[in-house]
C-alpha atoms as a PDB file:
ATOM      1  CA  MET A   1     123.932 115.498 101.321  1.00  0.00           C
ATOM      2  CA  PRO A   2     121.749 117.888 103.322  1.00  0.00           C
ATOM      3  CA  THR A   3     122.810 118.867 106.810  1.00  0.00           C
ATOM      4  CA  GLN A   4     120.612 118.173 109.819  1.00  0.00           C
ATOM      5  CA  ARG A   5     119.684 121.851 109.896  1.00  0.00           C
ATOM      6  CA  GLN A   6     118.656 121.814 106.220  1.00  0.00           C
ATOM      7  CA  THR A   7     116.596 118.681 106.793  1.00  0.00           C
ATOM      8  CA  ARG A   8     114.918 120.084 109.909  1.00  0.00           C
ATOM      9  CA  MET A   9     114.148 123.424 108.268  1.00  0.00           C
ATOM     10  CA  ALA A  10     112.912 121.741 105.066  1.00  0.00           C
ATOM     11  CA  ARG A  11     110.490 119.667 107.139  1.00  0.00           C
ATOM     12  CA  ARG A  12     109.287 122.830 108.886  1.00  0.00           C
ATOM     13  CA  VAL A  13     108.797 124.631 105.552  1.00  0.00           C
ATOM     14  CA  GLN A  14     106.921 121.610 104.179  1.00  0.00           C
ATOM     15  CA  GLU A  15     104.564 121.577 107.163  1.00  0.00           C
ATOM     16  CA  GLU A  16     103.912 125.310 106.916  1.00  0.00           C
ATOM     17  CA  LEU A  17     103.359 125.214 103.151  1.00  0.00           C
ATOM     18  CA  SER A  18     100.909 122.348 103.577  1.00  0.00           C
ATOM     19  CA  ARG A  19      99.032 124.331 106.227  1.00  0.00           C
ATOM     20  CA  ILE A  20      99.019 127.466 104.075  1.00  0.00           C
ATOM     21  CA  LEU A  21      97.694 125.608 101.027  1.00  0.00           C
ATOM     22  CA  LEU A  22      95.014 123.935 103.093  1.00  0.00           C
ATOM     23  CA  ARG A  23      93.762 126.981 104.993  1.00  0.00           C
ATOM     24  CA  GLU A  24      94.888 130.156 103.262  1.00  0.00           C
ATOM     25  CA  ILE A  25      94.824 129.639  99.492  1.00  0.00           C
ATOM     26  CA  ASP A  26      91.411 129.638  97.859  1.00  0.00           C
ATOM     27  CA  ASP A  27      92.306 128.642  94.304  1.00  0.00           C
ATOM     28  CA  PRO A  28      90.548 125.683  92.678  1.00  0.00           C
ATOM     29  CA  LEU A  29      93.738 124.830  90.761  1.00  0.00           C
ATOM     30  CA  VAL A  30      95.596 124.327  94.044  1.00  0.00           C
ATOM     31  CA  ARG A  31      92.796 122.659  95.994  1.00  0.00           C
ATOM     32  CA  LEU A  32      94.046 119.056  95.538  1.00  0.00           C
ATOM     33  CA  VAL A  33      97.788 119.756  95.864  1.00  0.00           C
ATOM     34  CA  THR A  34      99.892 117.871  98.389  1.00  0.00           C
ATOM     35  CA  ILE A  35     103.422 118.987  99.236  1.00  0.00           C
ATOM     36  CA  THR A  36     105.544 115.835  99.011  1.00  0.00           C
ATOM     37  CA  ASP A  37     109.027 117.203  99.705  1.00  0.00           C
ATOM     38  CA  VAL A  38     111.068 120.361 100.174  1.00  0.00           C
ATOM     39  CA  GLU A  39     114.765 120.699  99.407  1.00  0.00           C
ATOM     40  CA  LEU A  40     116.535 123.753 100.823  1.00  0.00           C
ATOM     41  CA  SER A  41     119.779 125.229  99.540  1.00  0.00           C
ATOM     42  CA  PRO A  42     122.703 125.197 101.995  1.00  0.00           C
ATOM     43  CA  ASP A  43     122.128 128.893 102.794  1.00  0.00           C
ATOM     44  CA  LEU A  44     118.373 128.176 103.323  1.00  0.00           C
ATOM     45  CA  LYS A  45     117.413 130.988 100.931  1.00  0.00           C
ATOM     46  CA  HIS A  46     116.026 128.844  98.110  1.00  0.00           C
ATOM     47  CA  ALA A  47     113.519 126.000  98.308  1.00  0.00           C
ATOM     48  CA  ARG A  48     112.545 123.430  95.715  1.00  0.00           C
ATOM     49  CA  VAL A  49     109.008 122.459  96.606  1.00  0.00           C
ATOM     50  CA  PHE A  50     107.773 119.161  95.185  1.00  0.00           C
ATOM     51  CA  PHE A  51     104.044 118.534  94.952  1.00  0.00           C
ATOM     52  CA  SER A  52     101.576 115.935  93.731  1.00  0.00           C
ATOM     53  CA  VAL A  53      97.954 116.327  92.743  1.00  0.00           C
ATOM     54  CA  LEU A  54      95.109 114.066  93.845  1.00  0.00           C
ATOM     55  CA  GLY A  55      92.746 112.891  91.160  1.00  0.00           C
ATOM     56  CA  GLY A  56      93.253 111.307  87.799  1.00  0.00           C
ATOM     57  CA  GLN A  57      93.052 114.280  85.460  1.00  0.00           C
ATOM     58  CA  GLU A  58      95.978 114.422  83.039  1.00  0.00           C
ATOM     59  CA  ASP A  59      96.131 118.227  82.991  1.00  0.00           C
ATOM     60  CA  ALA A  60      95.851 118.607  86.781  1.00  0.00           C
ATOM     61  CA  PRO A  61      99.637 118.944  87.385  1.00  0.00           C
ATOM     62  CA  ASP A  62      99.957 121.731  84.799  1.00  0.00           C
ATOM     63  CA  GLY A  63      96.997 123.623  86.230  1.00  0.00           C
ATOM     64  CA  ALA A  64      98.258 123.168  89.779  1.00  0.00           C
ATOM     65  CA  LEU A  65     101.712 124.405  88.784  1.00  0.00           C
ATOM     66  CA  ARG A  66     100.156 127.504  87.195  1.00  0.00           C
ATOM     67  CA  GLY A  67      98.107 128.113  90.352  1.00  0.00           C
ATOM     68  CA  LEU A  68     101.107 127.640  92.652  1.00  0.00           C
ATOM     69  CA  ARG A  69     103.302 129.929  90.587  1.00  0.00           C
ATOM     70  CA  ARG A  70     100.548 132.553  90.489  1.00  0.00           C
ATOM     71  CA  ALA A  71     100.210 132.406  94.298  1.00  0.00           C
ATOM     72  CA  ALA A  72     103.941 131.988  95.062  1.00  0.00           C
ATOM     73  CA  ARG A  73     104.487 135.578  96.275  1.00  0.00           C
ATOM     74  CA  HIS A  74     101.452 135.398  98.570  1.00  0.00           C
ATOM     75  CA  ILE A  75     102.462 131.940  99.835  1.00  0.00           C
ATOM     76  CA  ARG A  76     105.979 133.233 100.542  1.00  0.00           C
ATOM     77  CA  TYR A  77     104.504 136.231 102.383  1.00  0.00           C
ATOM     78  CA  LEU A  78     102.376 133.924 104.540  1.00  0.00           C
ATOM     79  CA  LEU A  79     105.407 131.715 105.178  1.00  0.00           C
ATOM     80  CA  ALA A  80     107.343 134.792 106.332  1.00  0.00           C
ATOM     81  CA  GLN A  81     104.505 135.680 108.735  1.00  0.00           C
ATOM     82  CA  GLU A  82     105.186 132.448 110.593  1.00  0.00           C
ATOM     83  CA  GLY A  83     108.315 134.200 111.851  1.00  0.00           C
ATOM     84  CA  GLU A  84     110.391 131.154 112.746  1.00  0.00           C
ATOM     85  CA  LEU A  85     112.723 131.384 109.743  1.00  0.00           C
ATOM     86  CA  ARG A  86     115.617 133.829 109.586  1.00  0.00           C
ATOM     87  CA  TYR A  87     115.195 133.982 105.810  1.00  0.00           C
ATOM     88  CA  THR A  88     112.071 133.221 103.863  1.00  0.00           C
ATOM     89  CA  PRO A  89     113.229 131.062 100.983  1.00  0.00           C
ATOM     90  CA  SER A  90     112.277 131.689  97.384  1.00  0.00           C
ATOM     91  CA  LEU A  91     109.893 128.966  96.229  1.00  0.00           C
ATOM     92  CA  ASP A  92     110.472 126.879  93.117  1.00  0.00           C
ATOM     93  CA  PHE A  93     107.493 124.551  92.637  1.00  0.00           C
ATOM     94  CA  ARG A  94     108.055 121.263  90.801  1.00  0.00           C
ATOM     95  CA  PHE A  95     105.661 118.439  90.048  1.00  0.00           C
ATOM     96  CA  ASP A  96     106.488 115.091  91.710  1.00  0.00           C
ATOM     97  CA  PRO A  97     105.166 112.269  89.486  1.00  0.00           C
ATOM     98  CA  THR A  98     105.789 109.508  92.063  1.00  0.00           C
ATOM     99  CA  ALA A  99     102.130 109.157  93.106  1.00  0.00           C
ATOM    100  CA  GLN A 100     100.927 108.969  89.492  1.00  0.00           C
ATOM    101  CA  ARG A 101     103.572 106.346  88.665  1.00  0.00           C
ATOM    102  CA  ALA A 102     102.545 104.297  91.689  1.00  0.00           C
ATOM    103  CA  GLN A 103      98.868 104.441  90.621  1.00  0.00           C
ATOM    104  CA  ARG A 104      99.786 103.398  87.093  1.00  0.00           C
ATOM    105  CA  ILE A 105     101.881 100.451  88.342  1.00  0.00           C
ATOM    106  CA  GLU A 106      99.119  99.408  90.722  1.00  0.00           C
ATOM    107  CA  ALA A 107      96.572  99.480  87.879  1.00  0.00           C
ATOM    108  CA  ILE A 108      98.845  97.327  85.701  1.00  0.00           C
ATOM    109  CA  LEU A 109      99.391  94.819  88.508  1.00  0.00           C
ATOM    110  CA  HIS A 110      95.658  94.722  89.230  1.00  0.00           C
ATOM    111  CA  ARG A 111      94.867  94.114  85.565  1.00  0.00           C
ATOM    112  CA  LEU A 112      97.482  91.335  85.372  1.00  0.00           C
ATOM    113  CA  HIS A 113      96.035  89.742  88.478  1.00  0.00           C
ATOM    114  CA  GLU A 114      92.509  89.913  87.020  1.00  0.00           C
ATOM    115  CA  GLU A 115      93.733  88.332  83.787  1.00  0.00           C
ATOM    116  CA  GLY A 116      95.336  85.500  85.750  1.00  0.00           C
ATOM    117  CA  GLY A 117      98.941  86.478  85.055  1.00  0.00           C
ATOM    118  CA  LEU A 118      99.748  87.029  88.728  1.00  0.00           C
ATOM    119  CA  ARG A 119      98.827  85.155  91.859  1.00  0.00           C
ATOM    120  CA  SER A 120      97.786  86.716  95.115  1.00  0.00           C
ATOM    121  CA  GLU A 121     100.071  86.663  98.108  1.00  0.00           C
ATOM    122  CA  GLY A 122      99.793  83.298  99.812  1.00  0.00           C
ATOM    123  CA  SER A 123      98.146  81.726  96.776  1.00  0.00           C
ATOM    124  CA  GLU A 124      99.170  78.206  95.836  1.00  0.00           C
ATOM    125  CA  GLU A 125      98.572  78.796  92.128  1.00  0.00           C
ATOM    126  CA  PRO A 126     101.801  79.146  90.138  1.00  0.00           C
ATOM    127  CA  LEU A 127     102.710  82.170  88.072  1.00  0.00           C
ATOM    128  CA  ASP A 128     102.751  81.731  84.286  1.00  0.00           C
ATOM    129  CA  GLY A 129     105.846  79.721  83.374  1.00  0.00           C
ATOM    130  CA  ASP A 130     106.327  78.715  86.999  1.00  0.00           C
ATOM    131  CA  SER A 131     104.461  75.428  86.881  1.00  0.00           C
ATOM    132  CA  PRO A 132     106.042  72.154  88.067  1.00  0.00           C
ATOM    133  CA  GLU A 133     106.049  70.963  84.436  1.00  0.00           C
ATOM    134  CA  ALA A 134     107.954  74.064  83.297  1.00  0.00           C
ATOM    135  CA  ASN A 135     110.442  73.608  86.127  1.00  0.00           C
ATOM    136  CA  ALA A 136     110.937  69.948  85.178  1.00  0.00           C
ATOM    137  CA  GLN A 137     111.690  71.007  81.588  1.00  0.00           C
ATOM    138  CA  ASP A 138     114.230  73.537  82.856  1.00  0.00           C
ATOM    139  CA  ASP A 139     116.045  70.770  84.765  1.00  0.00           C
ATOM    140  CA  GLU A 140     116.547  68.692  81.594  1.00  0.00           C
END
């Protein structure tokens, strides 16, 4: 479990990396990257940086990872220029598939709703297999 200091410093690194990617890095592969989380080692010298990529292209995460790895030394240099960290951590970029999974689940739920398999919140219509007749059969 991370200490309060690790958590606070990880949040600071995440904010700075987000700012750096937004304003300092001019690489089309990294343009749509969002830093989702940073995990720092207990000695604060190593950072796992999790990112997601906006857009629906299948190869976007691989391209973004290549771009981030290519720019990692420059990003680390810019992070060091901030001057508020005693050590500038090494950066290990990793893709975070959470956003893509959420989009995929949302698309499935939307399709089920459109096909009539799900009811909207507050709807009086029963779900498939949830009709009064089906419930009466279950009671027998």
